[in-house]
Amino acid sequence: MHEFILSTHSHARSHPRQLVLFSLGLVSATLVYRGLIAVRGCWIFAEWLFGWGVYSHLSLFNLNHPYAALTAEAIAIAFWLAILAGMWFFQRWARFIFVVLLAVALLTSPFRGHRYSLSSPPSFVAPVGVLMLLLTGVILAMSFLPPVRDCFARKKA
């Protein structure tokens, strides 16, 4: 009985380690980085498409010029998606613009007032929005840490 317990413990220790090595062996840091960029880009587009988050707020400009506001929002979304596409292909200019825009957003966030919307978004939007903020931080950190940083260094911008 004592041998069975020892053999079970040694087998239990080696089995999860093999499983972890196998499951992480196929996933590289660049694949995770690109996956996070894809998730972030899809969420930006979904927020705009369904009018959640920043795009649900009312302003005098939105009420007086709805088509101009829609066009401006579409241009902003295209700009963000272009930056994320540049980061997908490890372009240094995209990483620089991403950092600058995040710094501007961070510095201006205390000065933005409360905005009102006509309807509240679904209940999952706020937690997913917080998750997207965390993913943005992870994308930023990964773009300056090896091995993803090395992919940016190899590209000639």
Protein backbone atom coordinates (compact mmCIF):
# COMPACT_ATOMS: atom_id res chain seq x y z
CA MET A 1 0.00 0.00 0.00
CA HIS A 2 2.85 2.40 0.81
CA GLU A 3 4.47 1.69 -2.59
CA PHE A 4 1.22 2.46 -4.34
CA ILE A 5 1.00 5.88 -2.70
CA LEU A 6 4.60 6.68 -3.62
CA SER A 7 4.14 5.57 -7.20
CA THR A 8 0.91 7.53 -7.48
CA HIS A 9 2.58 10.68 -6.13
CA SER A 10 5.53 10.42 -8.51
CA HIS A 11 3.22 9.68 -11.42
CA ALA A 12 0.94 12.60 -10.47
CA ARG A 13 3.86 15.01 -10.37
CA SER A 14 5.23 14.05 -13.78
CA HIS A 15 1.91 13.88 -15.59
CA PRO A 16 0.82 17.54 -15.15
CA ARG A 17 4.34 18.70 -15.99
CA GLN A 18 4.24 16.76 -19.25
CA LEU A 19 0.79 18.14 -19.95
CA VAL A 20 1.95 21.71 -19.32
CA LEU A 21 5.04 21.29 -21.50
CA PHE A 22 2.94 19.83 -24.28
CA SER A 23 0.20 22.46 -24.13
CA LEU A 24 2.60 25.43 -23.97
CA GLY A 25 5.01 24.01 -26.53
CA LEU A 26 2.71 24.90 -29.41
CA VAL A 27 1.97 28.46 -28.22
CA SER A 28 4.60 31.12 -28.77
CA ALA A 29 4.66 34.60 -27.27
CA THR A 30 4.12 36.16 -30.68
CA LEU A 31 1.03 34.01 -31.21
CA VAL A 32 -0.38 35.13 -27.85
CA TYR A 33 0.49 38.74 -28.72
CA ARG A 34 -1.29 38.53 -32.06
CA GLY A 35 -4.27 36.85 -30.43
CA LEU A 36 -4.57 39.67 -27.91
CA ILE A 37 -4.37 42.23 -30.71
CA ALA A 38 -7.11 40.40 -32.60
CA VAL A 39 -9.36 40.29 -29.53
CA ARG A 40 -8.75 44.00 -28.82
CA GLY A 41 -9.47 44.97 -32.42
CA CYS A 42 -12.69 42.93 -32.49
CA TRP A 43 -13.88 44.57 -29.27
CA ILE A 44 -13.15 48.07 -30.58
CA PHE A 45 -15.18 47.29 -33.69
CA ALA A 46 -18.02 45.68 -31.67
CA GLU A 47 -18.22 48.70 -29.34
CA TRP A 48 -18.61 50.99 -32.32
CA LEU A 49 -21.00 48.73 -34.22
CA PHE A 50 -23.39 48.26 -31.30
CA GLY A 51 -22.96 51.72 -29.76
CA TRP A 52 -21.42 50.57 -26.49
CA GLY A 53 -18.80 52.24 -24.33
CA VAL A 54 -17.45 55.51 -25.65
CA TYR A 55 -19.72 55.36 -28.69
CA SER A 56 -22.95 55.30 -26.65
CA HIS A 57 -22.50 58.78 -25.21
CA LEU A 58 -24.55 61.74 -26.30
CA SER A 59 -23.08 65.08 -27.16
CA LEU A 60 -24.37 68.21 -28.80
CA PHE A 61 -22.30 67.40 -31.88
CA ASN A 62 -23.85 63.91 -32.13
CA LEU A 63 -27.36 65.32 -31.86
CA ASN A 64 -26.89 68.18 -34.33
CA HIS A 65 -24.71 66.37 -36.88
CA PRO A 66 -25.41 62.63 -36.66
CA TYR A 67 -23.83 61.74 -40.02
CA ALA A 68 -20.72 63.78 -39.33
CA ALA A 69 -20.40 62.12 -35.91
CA LEU A 70 -20.81 58.68 -37.48
CA THR A 71 -18.18 59.47 -40.09
CA ALA A 72 -15.76 60.79 -37.47
CA GLU A 73 -16.26 57.68 -35.35
CA ALA A 74 -15.71 55.44 -38.39
CA ILE A 75 -12.46 57.25 -39.18
CA ALA A 76 -11.33 56.89 -35.56
CA ILE A 77 -12.12 53.15 -35.61
CA ALA A 78 -10.26 52.72 -38.92
CA PHE A 79 -7.29 54.56 -37.41
CA TRP A 80 -7.24 52.29 -34.33
CA LEU A 81 -7.58 49.17 -36.47
CA ALA A 82 -4.73 50.39 -38.70
CA ILE A 83 -2.54 50.85 -35.62
CA LEU A 84 -3.42 47.37 -34.38
CA ALA A 85 -2.72 45.94 -37.85
CA GLY A 86 0.66 47.66 -37.80
CA MET A 87 1.36 46.12 -34.40
CA TRP A 88 0.26 42.72 -35.76
CA PHE A 89 3.02 43.04 -38.36
CA PHE A 90 5.50 44.42 -35.77
CA GLN A 91 5.81 47.88 -37.24
CA ARG A 92 7.67 50.29 -34.96
CA TRP A 93 5.58 53.29 -36.02
CA ALA A 94 2.41 51.51 -34.86
CA ARG A 95 3.91 50.72 -31.47
CA PHE A 96 5.02 54.35 -31.07
CA ILE A 97 1.57 55.74 -31.97
CA PHE A 98 -0.07 53.16 -29.69
CA VAL A 99 2.08 54.28 -26.75
CA VAL A 100 1.48 57.97 -27.46
CA LEU A 101 -2.30 57.54 -27.70
CA LEU A 102 -2.40 55.50 -24.50
CA ALA A 103 -0.34 58.14 -22.71
CA VAL A 104 -2.67 60.90 -23.94
CA ALA A 105 -5.72 58.88 -22.85
CA LEU A 106 -4.20 58.27 -19.44
CA LEU A 107 -3.28 61.92 -18.93
CA THR A 108 -6.66 63.25 -20.06
CA SER A 109 -8.84 60.70 -18.24
CA PRO A 110 -9.20 62.71 -14.99
CA PHE A 111 -10.45 65.73 -16.95
CA ARG A 112 -13.19 63.98 -18.89
CA GLY A 113 -16.64 64.63 -17.52
CA HIS A 114 -19.44 62.16 -17.06
CA ARG A 115 -21.29 61.50 -20.29
CA TYR A 116 -24.87 60.45 -20.73
CA SER A 117 -26.41 57.98 -23.13
CA LEU A 118 -29.95 57.23 -24.23
CA SER A 119 -29.82 53.60 -23.18
CA SER A 120 -27.54 51.58 -21.01
CA PRO A 121 -25.43 48.89 -22.67
CA PRO A 122 -25.85 45.23 -21.72
CA SER A 123 -24.53 44.23 -18.31
CA PHE A 124 -21.49 42.39 -19.70
CA VAL A 125 -20.07 45.46 -21.46
CA ALA A 126 -18.56 47.06 -18.34
CA PRO A 127 -16.65 43.95 -17.16
CA VAL A 128 -15.49 43.20 -20.69
CA GLY A 129 -14.39 46.84 -20.97
CA VAL A 130 -12.25 46.41 -17.85
CA LEU A 131 -10.84 43.20 -19.31
CA MET A 132 -10.01 45.09 -22.52
CA LEU A 133 -8.13 47.69 -20.47
CA LEU A 134 -6.10 44.89 -18.93
CA LEU A 135 -5.49 43.35 -22.37
CA THR A 136 -4.32 46.74 -23.61
CA GLY A 137 -1.80 46.84 -20.79
CA VAL A 138 -0.66 43.32 -21.63
CA ILE A 139 -0.27 44.26 -25.31
CA LEU A 140 1.76 47.30 -24.30
CA ALA A 141 3.98 45.31 -21.95
CA MET A 142 4.51 42.46 -24.41
CA SER A 143 5.50 44.87 -27.18
CA PHE A 144 8.44 46.07 -25.05
CA LEU A 145 9.48 42.70 -23.59
CA PRO A 146 11.35 39.89 -25.33
CA PRO A 147 10.67 37.97 -27.55
CA VAL A 148 7.99 40.25 -29.06
CA ARG A 149 10.28 43.28 -28.68
CA ASP A 150 12.84 41.46 -30.80
CA CYS A 151 10.29 41.09 -33.59
CA PHE A 152 9.86 44.88 -33.64
CA ALA A 153 13.64 45.33 -33.73
CA ARG A 154 14.03 43.08 -36.78
CA LYS A 155 11.56 45.04 -38.87
CA LYS A 156 12.81 47.95 -40.90
CA ALA A 157 10.15 50.67 -40.63
